[in-house]
Amino acid sequence: MTDEETRLFRVHARHLETPHAHLVTEVSFEAACVAWLEGWPGEIGAEATVSVIVRDVDTGCERCFGIDLDTGAMARCD
């Protein structure tokens, strides 16, 4: 971990309801997304992509990321 300040995020797959979210402590939305995904046992499907919702617990700010599990590419989604 770096000297950056960590924050608490609530993270879940977009296709799952918020009660299935997990709390993750990380330095950024992107880092929280990756940390959550590393421990996610879910099934993906034929496209090998997943959309992940990351919410900053303190501010309520929410972002969505689409991740290609074959390449590791991550992009913001709507």
C-alpha atoms as a PDB file:
ATOM      1  CA  MET A   1       0.000   0.000   0.000  1.00  0.00           C
ATOM      2  CA  THR A   2       1.225   3.492  -0.742  1.00  0.00           C
ATOM      3  CA  ASP A   3       1.152   6.649   1.368  1.00  0.00           C
ATOM      4  CA  GLU A   4      -2.153   7.570  -0.281  1.00  0.00           C
ATOM      5  CA  GLU A   5      -5.161   7.747   2.015  1.00  0.00           C
ATOM      6  CA  THR A   6      -7.387   4.689   1.851  1.00  0.00           C
ATOM      7  CA  ARG A   7     -11.158   4.903   1.685  1.00  0.00           C
ATOM      8  CA  LEU A   8     -13.995   2.484   2.276  1.00  0.00           C
ATOM      9  CA  PHE A   9     -15.901   1.367  -0.834  1.00  0.00           C
ATOM     10  CA  ARG A  10     -18.996  -0.808  -1.305  1.00  0.00           C
ATOM     11  CA  VAL A  11     -18.515  -2.930  -4.442  1.00  0.00           C
ATOM     12  CA  HIS A  12     -20.801  -5.333  -6.322  1.00  0.00           C
ATOM     13  CA  ALA A  13     -21.399  -6.757  -9.781  1.00  0.00           C
ATOM     14  CA  ARG A  14     -23.886  -4.611 -11.698  1.00  0.00           C
ATOM     15  CA  HIS A  15     -26.240  -7.552 -12.267  1.00  0.00           C
ATOM     16  CA  LEU A  16     -26.490  -8.193  -8.508  1.00  0.00           C
ATOM     17  CA  GLU A  17     -28.443  -6.128  -6.010  1.00  0.00           C
ATOM     18  CA  THR A  18     -26.640  -3.889  -3.500  1.00  0.00           C
ATOM     19  CA  PRO A  19     -27.161  -6.351  -0.581  1.00  0.00           C
ATOM     20  CA  HIS A  20     -24.628  -8.611  -2.332  1.00  0.00           C
ATOM     21  CA  ALA A  21     -21.946  -5.917  -2.118  1.00  0.00           C
ATOM     22  CA  HIS A  22     -18.697  -6.258  -0.207  1.00  0.00           C
ATOM     23  CA  LEU A  23     -16.775  -3.579   1.644  1.00  0.00           C
ATOM     24  CA  VAL A  24     -13.267  -2.926   0.333  1.00  0.00           C
ATOM     25  CA  THR A  25     -10.637  -0.526   1.689  1.00  0.00           C
ATOM     26  CA  GLU A  26      -8.491   0.919  -1.092  1.00  0.00           C
ATOM     27  CA  VAL A  27      -6.941   4.163  -2.387  1.00  0.00           C
ATOM     28  CA  SER A  28      -9.165   4.632  -5.465  1.00  0.00           C
ATOM     29  CA  PHE A  29     -12.332   3.482  -7.197  1.00  0.00           C
ATOM     30  CA  GLU A  30     -10.245   1.504  -9.690  1.00  0.00           C
ATOM     31  CA  ALA A  31      -8.173  -0.203  -6.987  1.00  0.00           C
ATOM     32  CA  ALA A  32     -11.358  -1.108  -5.088  1.00  0.00           C
ATOM     33  CA  CYS A  33     -12.821  -2.616  -8.250  1.00  0.00           C
ATOM     34  CA  VAL A  34      -9.744  -4.768  -8.858  1.00  0.00           C
ATOM     35  CA  ALA A  35      -9.508  -5.840  -5.186  1.00  0.00           C
ATOM     36  CA  TRP A  36     -13.142  -6.913  -5.184  1.00  0.00           C
ATOM     37  CA  LEU A  37     -12.810  -8.732  -8.503  1.00  0.00           C
ATOM     38  CA  GLU A  38      -9.780 -10.724  -7.318  1.00  0.00           C
ATOM     39  CA  GLY A  39     -11.932 -12.406  -4.679  1.00  0.00           C
ATOM     40  CA  TRP A  40     -15.156 -12.697  -6.676  1.00  0.00           C
ATOM     41  CA  PRO A  41     -16.181 -16.319  -7.304  1.00  0.00           C
ATOM     42  CA  GLY A  42     -19.053 -15.480  -9.667  1.00  0.00           C
ATOM     43  CA  GLU A  43     -19.737 -16.876 -13.085  1.00  0.00           C
ATOM     44  CA  ILE A  44     -19.136 -14.541 -16.014  1.00  0.00           C
ATOM     45  CA  GLY A  45     -20.610 -16.067 -19.160  1.00  0.00           C
ATOM     46  CA  ALA A  46     -19.455 -16.341 -22.755  1.00  0.00           C
ATOM     47  CA  GLU A  47     -18.260 -12.735 -23.192  1.00  0.00           C
ATOM     48  CA  ALA A  48     -15.867 -12.915 -20.218  1.00  0.00           C
ATOM     49  CA  THR A  49     -16.820  -9.386 -19.121  1.00  0.00           C
ATOM     50  CA  VAL A  50     -18.305  -8.034 -15.935  1.00  0.00           C
ATOM     51  CA  SER A  51     -19.683  -4.635 -14.941  1.00  0.00           C
ATOM     52  CA  VAL A  52     -18.827  -3.564 -11.409  1.00  0.00           C
ATOM     53  CA  ILE A  53     -20.424  -0.799  -9.321  1.00  0.00           C
ATOM     54  CA  VAL A  54     -18.077   0.933  -6.854  1.00  0.00           C
ATOM     55  CA  ARG A  55     -19.516   3.364  -4.273  1.00  0.00           C
ATOM     56  CA  ASP A  56     -17.489   5.531  -1.882  1.00  0.00           C
ATOM     57  CA  VAL A  57     -19.148   4.894   1.485  1.00  0.00           C
ATOM     58  CA  ASP A  58     -18.325   8.352   2.894  1.00  0.00           C
ATOM     59  CA  THR A  59     -19.288  10.528  -0.075  1.00  0.00           C
ATOM     60  CA  GLY A  60     -21.873   8.354  -1.829  1.00  0.00           C
ATOM     61  CA  CYS A  61     -20.091   8.927  -5.152  1.00  0.00           C
ATOM     62  CA  GLU A  62     -20.645   5.909  -7.414  1.00  0.00           C
ATOM     63  CA  ARG A  63     -18.823   4.701 -10.529  1.00  0.00           C
ATOM     64  CA  CYS A  64     -19.302   1.771 -12.871  1.00  0.00           C
ATOM     65  CA  PHE A  65     -16.473  -0.131 -14.546  1.00  0.00           C
ATOM     66  CA  GLY A  66     -16.630  -2.692 -17.329  1.00  0.00           C
ATOM     67  CA  ILE A  67     -13.822  -5.234 -17.160  1.00  0.00           C
ATOM     68  CA  ASP A  68     -12.735  -7.597 -19.909  1.00  0.00           C
ATOM     69  CA  LEU A  69     -11.541 -10.647 -18.012  1.00  0.00           C
ATOM     70  CA  ASP A  70      -9.575 -11.967 -20.991  1.00  0.00           C
ATOM     71  CA  THR A  71      -7.414  -8.855 -21.409  1.00  0.00           C
ATOM     72  CA  GLY A  72      -7.777  -7.118 -18.039  1.00  0.00           C
ATOM     73  CA  ALA A  73      -8.885  -3.910 -19.773  1.00  0.00           C
ATOM     74  CA  MET A  74     -11.050  -1.679 -17.578  1.00  0.00           C
ATOM     75  CA  ALA A  75     -13.253   1.182 -18.779  1.00  0.00           C
ATOM     76  CA  ARG A  76     -15.888   3.373 -17.176  1.00  0.00           C
ATOM     77  CA  CYS A  77     -19.468   2.450 -18.046  1.00  0.00           C
ATOM     78  CA  ASP A  78     -22.777   4.305 -17.689  1.00  0.00           C
END
